[in-house]
Amino acid sequence: WRDIFQRLLSVVMFLGERGLALRGTSEKIGDPNNGNFLGLIELLAEYDPLLREHIAKVKKAQEEGKRVQAHYLSKDSQNEFIQVCGERVRQKVLEERKKSKYYAIIADSTPDASHTEQTTLILRYLLDCESEFKICERFLNFVDCNKKTGMDVAKLIISELNKHSIPLKECRGQGYDNGSNMAGIYKGAQAIIMETNNLAFYNNCA
């Protein structure tokens, strides 16, 4: 199983690095609409005996209408792989940020397909790459935010920073749009955060 896991995770990371979707409209082996993940597994199986044997068992069970225990090709397994990879990437981002120390927080919101307001949180920091410095902007998280007052957004941002052990006192910048709930000089999220850290200067990023 370990060797199979390595191959499956490699496919997930390959697709993730290129921003490609994993799933299609079908979960059946051999179906041309089964998505990039299963499609790549099928392609690799043509040259890899271990994968070839594995998907042959799964395909046979699917054709016979039988359930295969723990074959790790299902949509649930794909979601678990994505979650595990995402956590590893986030941990790397947090390690980079800690090494850099000072950072800026960038946030913006938009409704998703289910009309839930999603706030995107980005960390911006300076990374020492051997002989040169590099400005990095790294995705931190998507957070549901149906409450839109400046206080609500400020609490959400501070909560996420605390959740990931990122000290607010080390924040040196805030970047939001110019909506009153974000940019307001009295009740905007930026103003509320600056009450706690007056070095977290606000810049409009609209």
Protein backbone atom coordinates (compact mmCIF):
# COMPACT_ATOMS: atom_id res chain seq x y z
CA TRP A 1 0.00 0.00 0.00
CA ARG A 2 2.84 2.38 0.73
CA ASP A 3 4.09 2.28 -2.86
CA ILE A 4 0.55 2.82 -4.16
CA PHE A 5 0.08 5.79 -1.80
CA GLN A 6 3.28 7.37 -3.10
CA ARG A 7 2.04 7.15 -6.66
CA LEU A 8 -1.42 8.49 -5.84
CA LEU A 9 -0.03 11.42 -3.84
CA SER A 10 2.41 12.23 -6.63
CA VAL A 11 -0.52 12.54 -9.04
CA VAL A 12 -2.42 14.78 -6.59
CA MET A 13 0.62 17.06 -6.18
CA PHE A 14 1.22 17.15 -9.94
CA LEU A 15 -2.35 18.32 -10.57
CA GLY A 16 -2.31 20.71 -7.61
CA GLU A 17 0.89 22.44 -8.77
CA ARG A 18 -0.78 23.14 -12.10
CA GLY A 19 -4.13 24.21 -10.67
CA LEU A 20 -5.99 21.37 -12.39
CA ALA A 21 -9.20 19.78 -11.10
CA LEU A 22 -9.02 16.16 -9.96
CA ARG A 23 -12.54 14.88 -10.44
CA GLY A 24 -14.71 14.39 -13.49
CA THR A 25 -18.36 13.43 -13.84
CA SER A 26 -17.64 9.72 -13.41
CA GLU A 27 -15.72 7.61 -10.91
CA LYS A 28 -15.42 4.56 -13.14
CA ILE A 29 -12.09 3.25 -14.31
CA GLY A 30 -11.89 3.46 -18.10
CA ASP A 31 -14.56 6.14 -18.43
CA PRO A 32 -13.26 9.10 -20.50
CA ASN A 33 -15.13 11.47 -18.16
CA ASN A 34 -13.56 10.23 -14.92
CA GLY A 35 -11.37 13.31 -14.48
CA ASN A 36 -7.68 14.17 -14.41
CA PHE A 37 -6.82 12.15 -11.30
CA LEU A 38 -8.18 8.80 -12.48
CA GLY A 39 -7.11 9.57 -16.05
CA LEU A 40 -3.49 10.08 -14.99
CA ILE A 41 -3.59 6.96 -12.83
CA GLU A 42 -4.77 5.00 -15.86
CA LEU A 43 -1.98 6.48 -17.98
CA LEU A 44 0.70 5.64 -15.42
CA ALA A 45 -0.73 2.14 -15.04
CA GLU A 46 0.17 1.43 -18.65
CA TYR A 47 3.84 1.58 -17.60
CA ASP A 48 3.60 0.66 -13.91
CA PRO A 49 2.78 -2.98 -13.04
CA LEU A 50 1.79 -2.13 -9.46
CA LEU A 51 -0.79 0.46 -10.50
CA ARG A 52 -1.94 -1.71 -13.38
CA GLU A 53 -2.77 -4.55 -11.01
CA HIS A 54 -4.47 -2.21 -8.54
CA ILE A 55 -6.81 -0.48 -10.99
CA ALA A 56 -7.56 -3.80 -12.72
CA LYS A 57 -9.00 -5.08 -9.42
CA VAL A 58 -11.01 -1.91 -8.93
CA LYS A 59 -12.30 -1.93 -12.50
CA LYS A 60 -13.36 -5.58 -12.25
CA ALA A 61 -15.24 -4.91 -9.01
CA GLN A 62 -16.97 -1.88 -10.56
CA GLU A 63 -18.06 -3.91 -13.57
CA GLU A 64 -19.42 -6.65 -11.30
CA GLY A 65 -21.17 -4.15 -9.06
CA LYS A 66 -19.08 -5.13 -6.05
CA ARG A 67 -17.66 -2.80 -3.45
CA VAL A 68 -13.87 -2.67 -3.06
CA GLN A 69 -12.62 -1.88 0.41
CA ALA A 70 -10.03 0.92 0.64
CA HIS A 71 -8.90 1.28 -2.94
CA TYR A 72 -8.13 5.01 -2.42
CA LEU A 73 -9.39 6.12 -5.83
CA SER A 74 -12.79 7.41 -4.67
CA LYS A 75 -13.82 11.06 -4.40
CA ASP A 76 -13.54 10.85 -0.60
CA SER A 77 -9.96 9.59 -0.84
CA GLN A 78 -9.13 12.35 -3.32
CA ASN A 79 -10.50 14.94 -0.88
CA GLU A 80 -8.40 13.44 1.92
CA PHE A 81 -5.28 13.59 -0.24
CA ILE A 82 -5.99 17.24 -1.07
CA GLN A 83 -6.50 18.05 2.62
CA VAL A 84 -3.26 16.34 3.66
CA CYS A 85 -1.27 18.09 0.92
CA GLY A 86 -2.91 21.41 1.80
CA GLU A 87 -1.92 21.08 5.45
CA ARG A 88 1.69 20.33 4.46
CA VAL A 89 1.78 23.40 2.23
CA ARG A 90 0.24 25.58 4.96
CA GLN A 91 2.82 24.33 7.46
CA LYS A 92 5.60 25.31 5.06
CA VAL A 93 4.06 28.78 4.67
CA LEU A 94 3.88 29.20 8.45
CA GLU A 95 7.52 28.14 8.80
CA GLU A 96 8.55 30.69 6.16
CA ARG A 97 6.52 33.42 7.85
CA LYS A 98 8.03 32.64 11.25
CA LYS A 99 11.52 32.87 9.80
CA SER A 100 10.67 36.17 8.14
CA LYS A 101 8.87 37.42 11.30
CA TYR A 102 7.18 40.56 9.98
CA TYR A 103 4.28 40.28 7.57
CA ALA A 104 1.23 41.95 6.05
CA ILE A 105 -2.26 40.44 5.95
CA ILE A 106 -4.35 40.72 2.77
CA ALA A 107 -8.05 39.83 2.77
CA ASP A 108 -10.90 39.91 0.28
CA SER A 109 -14.36 38.35 0.15
CA THR A 110 -16.61 36.96 -2.55
CA PRO A 111 -19.63 34.62 -2.55
CA ASP A 112 -19.02 31.04 -3.69
CA ALA A 113 -21.35 28.83 -5.76
CA SER A 114 -23.53 28.19 -2.69
CA HIS A 115 -23.80 31.97 -2.06
CA THR A 116 -21.70 31.66 1.10
CA GLU A 117 -19.42 34.65 1.60
CA GLN A 118 -15.85 33.35 1.50
CA THR A 119 -13.00 35.47 2.83
CA THR A 120 -9.57 34.74 1.37
CA LEU A 121 -6.63 35.41 3.67
CA ILE A 122 -3.15 35.98 2.23
CA LEU A 123 0.16 36.48 4.04
CA ARG A 124 2.76 38.77 2.48
CA TYR A 125 6.31 38.70 3.79
CA LEU A 126 9.97 39.07 2.83
CA LEU A 127 11.88 35.83 2.40
CA ASP A 128 15.67 35.59 2.54
CA CYS A 129 16.62 33.34 -0.40
CA GLU A 130 20.38 32.93 0.08
CA SER A 131 21.87 35.90 -1.81
CA GLU A 132 18.65 37.84 -2.40
CA PHE A 133 15.36 38.79 -0.78
CA LYS A 134 12.04 37.78 -2.27
CA ILE A 135 8.58 39.20 -1.59
CA CYS A 136 6.18 36.29 -1.11
CA GLU A 137 2.40 36.27 -1.08
CA ARG A 138 1.06 32.98 0.26
CA PHE A 139 -2.50 31.74 0.60
CA LEU A 140 -3.43 31.02 4.22
CA ASN A 141 -7.08 30.01 4.25
CA PHE A 142 -10.65 30.37 3.03
CA VAL A 143 -13.03 31.37 5.84
CA ASP A 144 -16.83 31.64 5.82
CA CYS A 145 -17.81 35.20 6.68
CA ASN A 146 -21.50 35.99 6.38
CA LYS A 147 -21.25 38.81 8.92
CA LYS A 148 -19.75 41.81 7.19
CA THR A 149 -19.29 44.56 9.77
CA GLY A 150 -15.79 45.87 10.37
CA MET A 151 -15.78 44.36 13.85
CA ASP A 152 -16.84 40.95 12.53
CA VAL A 153 -14.13 40.93 9.85
CA ALA A 154 -11.46 42.14 12.28
CA LYS A 155 -12.40 39.41 14.76
CA LEU A 156 -12.28 36.82 11.98
CA ILE A 157 -8.80 37.93 10.87
CA ILE A 158 -7.44 38.01 14.41
CA SER A 159 -9.00 34.61 15.14
CA GLU A 160 -7.33 33.06 12.08
CA LEU A 161 -3.97 34.57 12.99
CA ASN A 162 -4.26 33.19 16.53
CA LYS A 163 -5.37 29.81 15.19
CA HIS A 164 -2.12 29.53 13.23
CA SER A 165 0.04 31.03 16.01
CA ILE A 166 0.83 34.17 14.00
CA PRO A 167 1.39 37.09 16.42
CA LEU A 168 -0.66 40.16 15.55
CA LYS A 169 2.09 42.33 17.04
CA GLU A 170 4.38 41.27 14.17
CA CYS A 171 1.93 42.49 11.52
CA ARG A 172 3.22 45.53 9.62
CA GLY A 173 0.55 45.98 6.99
CA GLN A 174 -3.08 45.40 6.04
CA GLY A 175 -4.39 45.23 2.48
CA TYR A 176 -8.13 45.29 1.81
CA ASP A 177 -10.56 46.90 -0.61
CA ASN A 178 -11.97 50.36 0.05
CA GLY A 179 -15.35 49.22 1.40
CA SER A 180 -16.37 51.06 4.54
CA ASN A 181 -16.41 47.84 6.58
CA MET A 182 -12.75 47.26 5.69
CA ALA A 183 -11.25 50.71 5.16
CA GLY A 184 -13.39 52.85 7.50
CA ILE A 185 -11.19 55.05 9.68
CA TYR A 186 -13.32 54.51 12.79
CA LYS A 187 -15.21 51.23 12.49
CA GLY A 188 -13.45 49.54 9.58
CA ALA A 189 -11.55 46.29 10.13
CA GLN A 190 -8.24 48.06 9.55
CA ALA A 191 -8.97 50.66 12.23
CA ILE A 192 -10.00 48.03 14.77
CA ILE A 193 -6.84 46.01 14.16
CA MET A 194 -4.71 49.16 14.44
CA GLU A 195 -6.18 49.78 17.88
CA THR A 196 -4.31 46.63 18.94
CA ASN A 197 -1.26 47.12 16.74
CA ASN A 198 -0.67 50.67 15.52
CA LEU A 199 2.16 49.48 13.25
CA ALA A 200 -0.20 47.42 11.08
CA PHE A 201 -0.62 50.18 8.51
CA TYR A 202 -3.49 49.96 6.03
CA ASN A 203 -3.07 50.16 2.25
CA ASN A 204 -5.92 50.06 -0.24
CA CYS A 205 -5.44 47.09 -2.58
CA ALA A 206 -8.58 47.55 -4.71
